[in-house]
Amino acid sequence: MTFPKLHYLVKWIQKREEARRGYETRAKKPWTDDPVIQSYRFCNVQRQHDKVTKWLNENWYPNWGNENFPAAITLARLFNQPRTLEAIGYPGCWDLDRMHDVVQKRFDKGEKVFNAAYIVSANGKPGSKIKYVLRMADDVRRLGLLPTNSLKAVYDKLRTVEGLGKGFLAGQVIADLKYTQPWVKAIDWWTWCSPGPGSLRGLNRICDQDPDTRWAERTFVLYVGMLRTLIEQETKLQLHAQDVQNCLCEVDKYMRALEGGRPKQLYPGR
């Protein structure tokens, strides 16, 4: 299989990394000469460089040995807002009523509770979104997830929880678990990912075919593995499959912008 438009993915990775390094070293703007990346917000090439992930790495990841850790990470990604998580505190002792009261007070004061980076809904259920999110995390706790050598096995269990079944948010939880002991020893740490709508469109774009073409999950994962090798050859970056999947989602937005589209969020990179 060849990728006729692979150069767009390689360019996006290289220029997005330029912008990240420029920002982190406080270099003078512009941090890249790419006008699209100067103007619009894109995720980082590697998720571990994202702001919320850095906060979790410092504050919640060290609690990986606690029995509530998978549920806590689920809760963290559903809110995805460090100030909310600071107010809750790492929930080593699981108390839904206390957590609800803490978050509700923030909401009642007009403080930001959720981060808009992920679309989290109550799936049409009436009542409080805060309660729904807490219930989802509690359902994960009730699964009694134990460390395993398969990320896919954990993902499949997470998807049995109402609200996580479509897969995107379950994948975000996996992307955190995999960086903590002993999940880091999973045999599919480098190779596992699950396709999402954005990453499917991105793969189709670099294959120069209709963005809405459907792929079997097994084939998608196979192609992501091929791209991992090509990306390393071109950029010297060793990315795991979930990061490649994320890059495909971002290159879909990038290529749409090159065609005249407008990504949702602006970026002060000029």
C-alpha atoms as a PDB file:
ATOM      1  CA  MET A   1       0.000   0.000   0.000  1.00  0.00           C
ATOM      2  CA  THR A   2       1.300   3.455  -0.880  1.00  0.00           C
ATOM      3  CA  PHE A   3       0.176   6.759   0.595  1.00  0.00           C
ATOM      4  CA  PRO A   4       0.108   9.319  -2.238  1.00  0.00           C
ATOM      5  CA  LYS A   5      -0.363  12.259   0.140  1.00  0.00           C
ATOM      6  CA  LEU A   6       1.870  11.095   2.965  1.00  0.00           C
ATOM      7  CA  HIS A   7       3.872  14.315   2.626  1.00  0.00           C
ATOM      8  CA  TYR A   8       0.967  16.255   4.158  1.00  0.00           C
ATOM      9  CA  LEU A   9       1.079  14.098   7.283  1.00  0.00           C
ATOM     10  CA  VAL A  10       4.866  14.379   7.525  1.00  0.00           C
ATOM     11  CA  LYS A  11       4.706  18.140   7.039  1.00  0.00           C
ATOM     12  CA  TRP A  12       2.005  18.562   9.664  1.00  0.00           C
ATOM     13  CA  ILE A  13       4.044  16.542  12.193  1.00  0.00           C
ATOM     14  CA  GLN A  14       7.223  18.519  11.502  1.00  0.00           C
ATOM     15  CA  LYS A  15       5.560  21.941  11.598  1.00  0.00           C
ATOM     16  CA  ARG A  16       3.398  21.164  14.647  1.00  0.00           C
ATOM     17  CA  GLU A  17       6.535  20.048  16.476  1.00  0.00           C
ATOM     18  CA  GLU A  18       8.250  23.302  15.441  1.00  0.00           C
ATOM     19  CA  ALA A  19       5.388  25.266  16.961  1.00  0.00           C
ATOM     20  CA  ARG A  20       5.449  23.236  20.184  1.00  0.00           C
ATOM     21  CA  ARG A  21       9.178  23.708  20.651  1.00  0.00           C
ATOM     22  CA  GLY A  22       8.905  27.408  19.905  1.00  0.00           C
ATOM     23  CA  TYR A  23       6.136  27.833  22.441  1.00  0.00           C
ATOM     24  CA  GLU A  24       7.861  25.807  25.157  1.00  0.00           C
ATOM     25  CA  THR A  25      11.200  27.623  24.735  1.00  0.00           C
ATOM     26  CA  ARG A  26       9.441  31.009  24.617  1.00  0.00           C
ATOM     27  CA  ALA A  27      10.980  31.718  21.229  1.00  0.00           C
ATOM     28  CA  LYS A  28       9.919  34.789  19.310  1.00  0.00           C
ATOM     29  CA  LYS A  29       6.816  34.332  17.160  1.00  0.00           C
ATOM     30  CA  PRO A  30       6.047  32.958  14.659  1.00  0.00           C
ATOM     31  CA  TRP A  31       7.035  29.527  15.953  1.00  0.00           C
ATOM     32  CA  THR A  32       6.666  27.971  12.495  1.00  0.00           C
ATOM     33  CA  ASP A  33       6.494  29.270   8.955  1.00  0.00           C
ATOM     34  CA  ASP A  34       3.337  27.243   8.256  1.00  0.00           C
ATOM     35  CA  PRO A  35       0.446  29.763   8.091  1.00  0.00           C
ATOM     36  CA  VAL A  36      -2.235  27.190   8.958  1.00  0.00           C
ATOM     37  CA  ILE A  37      -0.461  26.029  12.116  1.00  0.00           C
ATOM     38  CA  GLN A  38       0.286  29.668  12.980  1.00  0.00           C
ATOM     39  CA  SER A  39      -3.411  30.449  12.845  1.00  0.00           C
ATOM     40  CA  TYR A  40      -5.374  27.464  14.147  1.00  0.00           C
ATOM     41  CA  ARG A  41      -5.223  25.230  17.195  1.00  0.00           C
ATOM     42  CA  PHE A  42      -4.143  21.630  16.675  1.00  0.00           C
ATOM     43  CA  CYS A  43      -3.376  18.889  19.182  1.00  0.00           C
ATOM     44  CA  ASN A  44       0.267  18.040  19.781  1.00  0.00           C
ATOM     45  CA  VAL A  45       1.927  15.270  17.807  1.00  0.00           C
ATOM     46  CA  GLN A  46       2.393  13.313  21.045  1.00  0.00           C
ATOM     47  CA  ARG A  47      -0.474  13.429  23.510  1.00  0.00           C
ATOM     48  CA  GLN A  48       1.925  13.432  26.459  1.00  0.00           C
ATOM     49  CA  HIS A  49       2.829  17.026  25.520  1.00  0.00           C
ATOM     50  CA  ASP A  50      -0.743  18.266  25.983  1.00  0.00           C
ATOM     51  CA  LYS A  51      -1.396  20.597  28.923  1.00  0.00           C
ATOM     52  CA  VAL A  52      -3.960  18.434  30.728  1.00  0.00           C
ATOM     53  CA  THR A  53      -1.888  15.284  30.235  1.00  0.00           C
ATOM     54  CA  LYS A  54       1.149  17.000  31.751  1.00  0.00           C
ATOM     55  CA  TRP A  55      -0.947  17.972  34.766  1.00  0.00           C
ATOM     56  CA  LEU A  56      -2.230  14.418  35.192  1.00  0.00           C
ATOM     57  CA  ASN A  57       1.282  13.041  34.802  1.00  0.00           C
ATOM     58  CA  GLU A  58       2.445  15.150  37.712  1.00  0.00           C
ATOM     59  CA  ASN A  59      -0.601  14.932  39.950  1.00  0.00           C
ATOM     60  CA  TRP A  60      -2.678  11.777  39.322  1.00  0.00           C
ATOM     61  CA  TYR A  61      -0.465   9.272  37.472  1.00  0.00           C
ATOM     62  CA  PRO A  62       1.641   8.655  40.636  1.00  0.00           C
ATOM     63  CA  ASN A  63      -1.469   7.040  42.183  1.00  0.00           C
ATOM     64  CA  TRP A  64      -1.438   4.178  39.676  1.00  0.00           C
ATOM     65  CA  GLY A  65      -1.293   1.591  42.471  1.00  0.00           C
ATOM     66  CA  ASN A  66      -4.581   2.740  43.999  1.00  0.00           C
ATOM     67  CA  GLU A  67      -7.533   0.455  43.240  1.00  0.00           C
ATOM     68  CA  ASN A  68      -9.606   3.412  42.050  1.00  0.00           C
ATOM     69  CA  PHE A  69      -7.023   4.544  39.489  1.00  0.00           C
ATOM     70  CA  PRO A  70      -8.867   3.492  36.269  1.00  0.00           C
ATOM     71  CA  ALA A  71     -12.057   5.145  37.547  1.00  0.00           C
ATOM     72  CA  ALA A  72     -10.139   8.254  38.596  1.00  0.00           C
ATOM     73  CA  ILE A  73      -8.526   8.587  35.175  1.00  0.00           C
ATOM     74  CA  THR A  74     -11.946   8.140  33.564  1.00  0.00           C
ATOM     75  CA  LEU A  75     -13.269  10.925  35.770  1.00  0.00           C
ATOM     76  CA  ALA A  76     -10.269  13.073  34.889  1.00  0.00           C
ATOM     77  CA  ARG A  77     -10.834  12.739  31.146  1.00  0.00           C
ATOM     78  CA  LEU A  78     -14.579  13.305  31.367  1.00  0.00           C
ATOM     79  CA  PHE A  79     -14.021  16.651  33.104  1.00  0.00           C
ATOM     80  CA  ASN A  80     -10.611  17.226  31.460  1.00  0.00           C
ATOM     81  CA  GLN A  81     -10.233  20.405  33.507  1.00  0.00           C
ATOM     82  CA  PRO A  82      -7.295  20.617  35.973  1.00  0.00           C
ATOM     83  CA  ARG A  83      -8.961  23.191  38.231  1.00  0.00           C
ATOM     84  CA  THR A  84     -11.963  20.920  38.646  1.00  0.00           C
ATOM     85  CA  LEU A  85      -9.653  17.999  39.384  1.00  0.00           C
ATOM     86  CA  GLU A  86      -7.662  20.062  41.876  1.00  0.00           C
ATOM     87  CA  ALA A  87     -10.895  20.878  43.697  1.00  0.00           C
ATOM     88  CA  ILE A  88     -11.901  17.202  43.799  1.00  0.00           C
ATOM     89  CA  GLY A  89      -8.450  15.947  44.753  1.00  0.00           C
ATOM     90  CA  TYR A  90      -7.306  12.486  43.752  1.00  0.00           C
ATOM     91  CA  PRO A  91     -10.238  10.215  44.808  1.00  0.00           C
ATOM     92  CA  GLY A  92      -8.305   7.502  46.636  1.00  0.00           C
ATOM     93  CA  CYS A  93     -11.307   7.174  48.904  1.00  0.00           C
ATOM     94  CA  TRP A  94     -14.235   7.064  46.515  1.00  0.00           C
ATOM     95  CA  ASP A  95     -17.068   9.341  47.687  1.00  0.00           C
ATOM     96  CA  LEU A  96     -19.537  10.263  44.946  1.00  0.00           C
ATOM     97  CA  ASP A  97     -21.578  12.605  47.114  1.00  0.00           C
ATOM     98  CA  ARG A  98     -18.521  14.624  48.130  1.00  0.00           C
ATOM     99  CA  MET A  99     -17.233  14.833  44.566  1.00  0.00           C
ATOM    100  CA  HIS A 100     -20.638  15.924  43.323  1.00  0.00           C
ATOM    101  CA  ASP A 101     -20.896  18.657  45.955  1.00  0.00           C
ATOM    102  CA  VAL A 102     -17.420  19.983  45.097  1.00  0.00           C
ATOM    103  CA  VAL A 103     -18.095  20.153  41.378  1.00  0.00           C
ATOM    104  CA  GLN A 104     -21.630  21.473  41.736  1.00  0.00           C
ATOM    105  CA  LYS A 105     -20.419  24.358  43.904  1.00  0.00           C
ATOM    106  CA  ARG A 106     -17.923  25.321  41.206  1.00  0.00           C
ATOM    107  CA  PHE A 107     -20.655  25.168  38.590  1.00  0.00           C
ATOM    108  CA  ASP A 108     -23.053  27.240  40.701  1.00  0.00           C
ATOM    109  CA  LYS A 109     -20.382  29.943  41.070  1.00  0.00           C
ATOM    110  CA  GLY A 110     -20.029  30.118  37.294  1.00  0.00           C
ATOM    111  CA  GLU A 111     -16.605  28.498  37.282  1.00  0.00           C
ATOM    112  CA  LYS A 112     -15.514  26.306  34.402  1.00  0.00           C
ATOM    113  CA  VAL A 113     -16.181  22.631  35.154  1.00  0.00           C
ATOM    114  CA  PHE A 114     -15.633  20.886  31.813  1.00  0.00           C
ATOM    115  CA  ASN A 115     -12.962  21.365  29.163  1.00  0.00           C
ATOM    116  CA  ALA A 116     -14.513  21.698  25.711  1.00  0.00           C
ATOM    117  CA  ALA A 117     -11.694  19.717  24.043  1.00  0.00           C
ATOM    118  CA  TYR A 118     -13.764  16.516  24.298  1.00  0.00           C
ATOM    119  CA  ILE A 119     -17.477  16.299  23.616  1.00  0.00           C
ATOM    120  CA  VAL A 120     -18.993  14.737  26.729  1.00  0.00           C
ATOM    121  CA  SER A 121     -22.759  14.427  26.875  1.00  0.00           C
ATOM    122  CA  ALA A 122     -25.398  12.796  29.045  1.00  0.00           C
ATOM    123  CA  ASN A 123     -26.527  10.778  25.995  1.00  0.00           C
ATOM    124  CA  GLY A 124     -29.955  12.374  26.050  1.00  0.00           C
ATOM    125  CA  LYS A 125     -30.611  11.368  29.642  1.00  0.00           C
ATOM    126  CA  PRO A 126     -32.513  13.950  31.749  1.00  0.00           C
ATOM    127  CA  GLY A 127     -30.901  15.462  34.802  1.00  0.00           C
ATOM    128  CA  SER A 128     -27.473  16.748  35.731  1.00  0.00           C
ATOM    129  CA  LYS A 129     -24.538  16.211  33.379  1.00  0.00           C
ATOM    130  CA  ILE A 130     -22.266  16.318  36.413  1.00  0.00           C
ATOM    131  CA  LYS A 131     -24.134  13.413  38.011  1.00  0.00           C
ATOM    132  CA  TYR A 132     -24.078  11.482  34.739  1.00  0.00           C
ATOM    133  CA  VAL A 133     -20.311  11.861  34.400  1.00  0.00           C
ATOM    134  CA  LEU A 134     -19.739  10.804  38.005  1.00  0.00           C
ATOM    135  CA  ARG A 135     -21.964   7.777  37.412  1.00  0.00           C
ATOM    136  CA  MET A 136     -19.893   6.793  34.353  1.00  0.00           C
ATOM    137  CA  ALA A 137     -16.693   6.916  36.404  1.00  0.00           C
ATOM    138  CA  ASP A 138     -18.366   4.920  39.170  1.00  0.00           C
ATOM    139  CA  ASP A 139     -19.415   2.269  36.642  1.00  0.00           C
ATOM    140  CA  VAL A 140     -15.752   1.986  35.613  1.00  0.00           C
ATOM    141  CA  ARG A 141     -14.821   1.532  39.280  1.00  0.00           C
ATOM    142  CA  ARG A 142     -17.367  -1.267  39.552  1.00  0.00           C
ATOM    143  CA  LEU A 143     -15.708  -3.093  36.645  1.00  0.00           C
ATOM    144  CA  GLY A 144     -12.812  -3.839  38.982  1.00  0.00           C
ATOM    145  CA  LEU A 145     -10.251  -3.411  36.210  1.00  0.00           C
ATOM    146  CA  LEU A 146      -6.950  -5.068  36.939  1.00  0.00           C
ATOM    147  CA  PRO A 147      -3.674  -4.461  35.094  1.00  0.00           C
ATOM    148  CA  THR A 148      -3.396  -6.701  32.070  1.00  0.00           C
ATOM    149  CA  ASN A 149      -0.956  -7.282  29.237  1.00  0.00           C
ATOM    150  CA  SER A 150      -3.540  -6.186  26.638  1.00  0.00           C
ATOM    151  CA  LEU A 151      -4.725  -2.614  26.179  1.00  0.00           C
ATOM    152  CA  LYS A 152      -7.399  -3.844  23.798  1.00  0.00           C
ATOM    153  CA  ALA A 153      -8.843  -6.088  26.499  1.00  0.00           C
ATOM    154  CA  VAL A 154      -9.157  -3.114  28.859  1.00  0.00           C
ATOM    155  CA  TYR A 155     -10.662  -0.994  26.081  1.00  0.00           C
ATOM    156  CA  ASP A 156     -13.290  -3.643  25.364  1.00  0.00           C
ATOM    157  CA  LYS A 157     -14.300  -3.680  29.037  1.00  0.00           C
ATOM    158  CA  LEU A 158     -14.471   0.116  29.223  1.00  0.00           C
ATOM    159  CA  ARG A 159     -16.814   0.158  26.247  1.00  0.00           C
ATOM    160  CA  THR A 160     -19.389  -1.840  28.231  1.00  0.00           C
ATOM    161  CA  VAL A 161     -19.981   1.287  30.332  1.00  0.00           C
ATOM    162  CA  GLU A 162     -22.849   3.467  29.133  1.00  0.00           C
ATOM    163  CA  GLY A 163     -21.379   6.649  27.679  1.00  0.00           C
ATOM    164  CA  LEU A 164     -18.072   5.023  26.738  1.00  0.00           C
ATOM    165  CA  GLY A 165     -19.475   2.575  24.194  1.00  0.00           C
ATOM    166  CA  LYS A 166     -18.676   4.615  21.088  1.00  0.00           C
ATOM    167  CA  GLY A 167     -15.022   4.215  21.912  1.00  0.00           C
ATOM    168  CA  PHE A 168     -13.427   7.671  21.699  1.00  0.00           C
ATOM    169  CA  LEU A 169     -13.442   8.466  25.424  1.00  0.00           C
ATOM    170  CA  ALA A 170     -12.529   4.883  26.309  1.00  0.00           C
ATOM    171  CA  GLY A 171      -9.490   5.318  24.063  1.00  0.00           C
ATOM    172  CA  GLN A 172      -8.537   8.499  25.923  1.00  0.00           C
ATOM    173  CA  VAL A 173      -8.580   6.576  29.199  1.00  0.00           C
ATOM    174  CA  ILE A 174      -6.321   3.910  27.679  1.00  0.00           C
ATOM    175  CA  ALA A 175      -3.936   6.631  26.484  1.00  0.00           C
ATOM    176  CA  ASP A 176      -3.432   7.609  30.145  1.00  0.00           C
ATOM    177  CA  LEU A 177      -3.342   4.126  31.679  1.00  0.00           C
ATOM    178  CA  LYS A 178      -0.630   2.996  29.246  1.00  0.00           C
ATOM    179  CA  TYR A 179       1.905   5.427  30.715  1.00  0.00           C
ATOM    180  CA  THR A 180       1.680   4.011  34.229  1.00  0.00           C
ATOM    181  CA  GLN A 181       2.997   0.840  35.813  1.00  0.00           C
ATOM    182  CA  PRO A 182       2.261  -1.963  35.139  1.00  0.00           C
ATOM    183  CA  TRP A 183       0.093  -1.068  32.101  1.00  0.00           C
ATOM    184  CA  VAL A 184       3.240   0.104  30.336  1.00  0.00           C
ATOM    185  CA  LYS A 185       4.180  -3.568  29.939  1.00  0.00           C
ATOM    186  CA  ALA A 186       1.190  -4.368  27.713  1.00  0.00           C
ATOM    187  CA  ILE A 187       2.159  -6.402  24.671  1.00  0.00           C
ATOM    188  CA  ASP A 188       0.161  -4.089  22.370  1.00  0.00           C
ATOM    189  CA  TRP A 189       1.488  -0.834  23.929  1.00  0.00           C
ATOM    190  CA  TRP A 190       3.003   0.316  20.618  1.00  0.00           C
ATOM    191  CA  THR A 191       0.528  -1.229  18.210  1.00  0.00           C
ATOM    192  CA  TRP A 192      -3.006  -0.892  19.612  1.00  0.00           C
ATOM    193  CA  CYS A 193      -5.424   1.831  18.577  1.00  0.00           C
ATOM    194  CA  SER A 194      -9.078   2.083  17.649  1.00  0.00           C
ATOM    195  CA  PRO A 195     -10.282   4.101  14.649  1.00  0.00           C
ATOM    196  CA  GLY A 196     -12.379   7.204  15.138  1.00  0.00           C
ATOM    197  CA  PRO A 197     -14.202   9.345  12.556  1.00  0.00           C
ATOM    198  CA  GLY A 198     -11.425  11.958  12.335  1.00  0.00           C
ATOM    199  CA  SER A 199      -8.586   9.466  12.023  1.00  0.00           C
ATOM    200  CA  LEU A 200     -10.491   7.515   9.363  1.00  0.00           C
ATOM    201  CA  ARG A 201     -10.948  10.706   7.333  1.00  0.00           C
ATOM    202  CA  GLY A 202      -7.270  11.535   7.769  1.00  0.00           C
ATOM    203  CA  LEU A 203      -6.169   8.110   6.555  1.00  0.00           C
ATOM    204  CA  ASN A 204      -8.457   8.434   3.550  1.00  0.00           C
ATOM    205  CA  ARG A 205      -6.997  11.836   2.735  1.00  0.00           C
ATOM    206  CA  ILE A 206      -3.402  10.665   2.694  1.00  0.00           C
ATOM    207  CA  CYS A 207      -4.518   7.654   0.645  1.00  0.00           C
ATOM    208  CA  ASP A 208      -6.084  10.186  -1.776  1.00  0.00           C
ATOM    209  CA  GLN A 209      -9.547   8.704  -1.634  1.00  0.00           C
ATOM    210  CA  ASP A 210     -13.016   9.763  -0.538  1.00  0.00           C
ATOM    211  CA  PRO A 211     -12.744  10.935   3.107  1.00  0.00           C
ATOM    212  CA  ASP A 212     -15.871   8.950   3.992  1.00  0.00           C
ATOM    213  CA  THR A 213     -14.522   5.603   2.768  1.00  0.00           C
ATOM    214  CA  ARG A 214     -15.014   2.943   5.440  1.00  0.00           C
ATOM    215  CA  TRP A 215     -12.292   0.689   6.793  1.00  0.00           C
ATOM    216  CA  ALA A 216     -12.356  -2.560   8.715  1.00  0.00           C
ATOM    217  CA  GLU A 217     -10.755  -1.972  12.117  1.00  0.00           C
ATOM    218  CA  ARG A 218      -8.136  -4.657  11.491  1.00  0.00           C
ATOM    219  CA  THR A 219      -7.106  -3.016   8.208  1.00  0.00           C
ATOM    220  CA  PHE A 220      -6.988   0.429   9.802  1.00  0.00           C
ATOM    221  CA  VAL A 221      -4.656  -0.817  12.543  1.00  0.00           C
ATOM    222  CA  LEU A 222      -2.458  -2.507   9.932  1.00  0.00           C
ATOM    223  CA  TYR A 223      -2.094   0.743   7.982  1.00  0.00           C
ATOM    224  CA  VAL A 224      -1.372   2.714  11.140  1.00  0.00           C
ATOM    225  CA  GLY A 225       1.483   0.278  11.773  1.00  0.00           C
ATOM    226  CA  MET A 226       2.847   0.983   8.315  1.00  0.00           C
ATOM    227  CA  LEU A 227       2.596   4.712   8.935  1.00  0.00           C
ATOM    228  CA  ARG A 228       4.480   4.403  12.232  1.00  0.00           C
ATOM    229  CA  THR A 229       7.479   3.082  10.302  1.00  0.00           C
ATOM    230  CA  LEU A 230       7.253   5.738   7.581  1.00  0.00           C
ATOM    231  CA  ILE A 231       6.869   8.565  10.093  1.00  0.00           C
ATOM    232  CA  GLU A 232       9.947   7.430  12.000  1.00  0.00           C
ATOM    233  CA  GLN A 233      11.938   7.278   8.764  1.00  0.00           C
ATOM    234  CA  GLU A 234      10.885  10.792   7.757  1.00  0.00           C
ATOM    235  CA  THR A 235      10.857  12.605  11.105  1.00  0.00           C
ATOM    236  CA  LYS A 236      12.981  10.460  13.487  1.00  0.00           C
ATOM    237  CA  LEU A 237      10.005  10.428  15.880  1.00  0.00           C
ATOM    238  CA  GLN A 238       8.995   7.058  17.305  1.00  0.00           C
ATOM    239  CA  LEU A 239       5.239   7.260  17.784  1.00  0.00           C
ATOM    240  CA  HIS A 240       2.923   4.614  19.176  1.00  0.00           C
ATOM    241  CA  ALA A 241      -0.239   3.739  17.264  1.00  0.00           C
ATOM    242  CA  GLN A 242      -2.541   5.943  19.331  1.00  0.00           C
ATOM    243  CA  ASP A 243      -0.375   8.991  18.615  1.00  0.00           C
ATOM    244  CA  VAL A 244      -0.384   8.150  14.901  1.00  0.00           C
ATOM    245  CA  GLN A 245      -4.167   7.850  15.064  1.00  0.00           C
ATOM    246  CA  ASN A 246      -4.317  11.281  16.681  1.00  0.00           C
ATOM    247  CA  CYS A 247      -2.033  12.721  13.975  1.00  0.00           C
ATOM    248  CA  LEU A 248      -4.369  11.357  11.307  1.00  0.00           C
ATOM    249  CA  CYS A 249      -7.275  13.149  12.951  1.00  0.00           C
ATOM    250  CA  GLU A 250      -5.305  16.397  13.024  1.00  0.00           C
ATOM    251  CA  VAL A 251      -4.082  16.083   9.428  1.00  0.00           C
ATOM    252  CA  ASP A 252      -7.710  15.790   8.360  1.00  0.00           C
ATOM    253  CA  LYS A 253      -8.321  19.239   9.896  1.00  0.00           C
ATOM    254  CA  TYR A 254      -5.050  20.525   8.441  1.00  0.00           C
ATOM    255  CA  MET A 255      -5.840  19.417   4.895  1.00  0.00           C
ATOM    256  CA  ARG A 256      -9.369  20.807   5.122  1.00  0.00           C
ATOM    257  CA  ALA A 257      -7.869  24.163   6.160  1.00  0.00           C
ATOM    258  CA  LEU A 258      -5.515  24.053   3.183  1.00  0.00           C
ATOM    259  CA  GLU A 259      -8.593  23.584   1.000  1.00  0.00           C
ATOM    260  CA  GLY A 260     -10.216  26.711   2.460  1.00  0.00           C
ATOM    261  CA  GLY A 261     -11.967  25.313   5.505  1.00  0.00           C
ATOM    262  CA  ARG A 262     -11.734  26.918   8.943  1.00  0.00           C
ATOM    263  CA  PRO A 263     -10.888  24.816  12.011  1.00  0.00           C
ATOM    264  CA  LYS A 264     -12.973  25.693  15.076  1.00  0.00           C
ATOM    265  CA  GLN A 265     -10.296  27.216  17.315  1.00  0.00           C
ATOM    266  CA  LEU A 266      -7.795  29.954  16.567  1.00  0.00           C
ATOM    267  CA  TYR A 267      -4.182  29.764  17.770  1.00  0.00           C
ATOM    268  CA  PRO A 268      -2.003  32.757  18.736  1.00  0.00           C
ATOM    269  CA  GLY A 269       1.054  31.490  16.872  1.00  0.00           C
ATOM    270  CA  ARG A 270       1.687  34.447  14.597  1.00  0.00           C
END
